[in-house]
């Protein structure tokens, strides 16, 4: 139980620069978090499926260069990864266009070797996944993924974490809110920690406040819930108490892509290393504040390393 296993999709990223041109990179919500966890010294693996093309090879090389274990990534012949395009407005808020309907990540739990991925989830110290992860899979794939989570939760006597970031994107669910709510509820039943964004919870559940999000999620048995709320900070529920943790400094974002993913990595890595929930939330705020000052989901390693105390 030494690894954190993050599950989801890595895509080709095209982000428009200040000169109007697009730069190529790679990203995806749970992959972004995996990279930032690895940079924090966490032993992390990534589970997805890729194709046999050059871009897939470069994604595998990127993961390896970032010390992310990519051994849980089957490669499917003739397939290519999804693509997303980022544009930002004058306030740094991002919007996305996706080309991902036939991405190999969608068949991770139906492809040859899916049993090995499921076994790795059962054996992991923690599993990290998101609402976007859930939106990828068919009913069969979802059933296998949720069964692996349930098996892990029943065999480890609370010694592991199952961490869920809601990350709700209506387009990914074809506008079917009822199916999304049903699947999210099943995921929450199998989770021990949730790191939702309040805006997403409003869109899916109509929550009136971050406190209402915590109240709803704890009914599923979660003991630790951190509701991210942008510049308003985070509301943290853990150890039987709820506290507000404000951002340390207000910044004017250049690109908010990856803000929540990096907060989650900062929070989770701090908690795994023994920090209190409040300390972990402050670590999440610090990393997210740096990430939103740069374009794209994953900031250059040199910038990230420059944040560390010497």
Foldseek 3Di string as FASTA:
>chain_A
DQEEEEEAAKAWEWEQDPVRHTDTDIDDLRVLLQLLLLLLVGQYEYAFEAEPDPVRVVVVVVCVVSNHHDPNYHYHYPAHAKYKYWDADPLQEIDIDIDHLRGRRLCCCPDPPSVVVLVCCLVHQEYEYELNRCLSYDPVSLVSNLVSLQNSQVPPVPRHFYEYEHPDDCVSVVNPLVVSVVSVLSSLLSGQEYEYEVVRCCVRPVQPDLVSVVVVSCVSVHAWYWYQYPQQAIWIGHPNDIDGAGAPDDDRFNHQAQLSSQLVSQLVSCVVVPDDNNVSSNSSSVRSRQQRNDDDNHDDPVSVVVVDDD
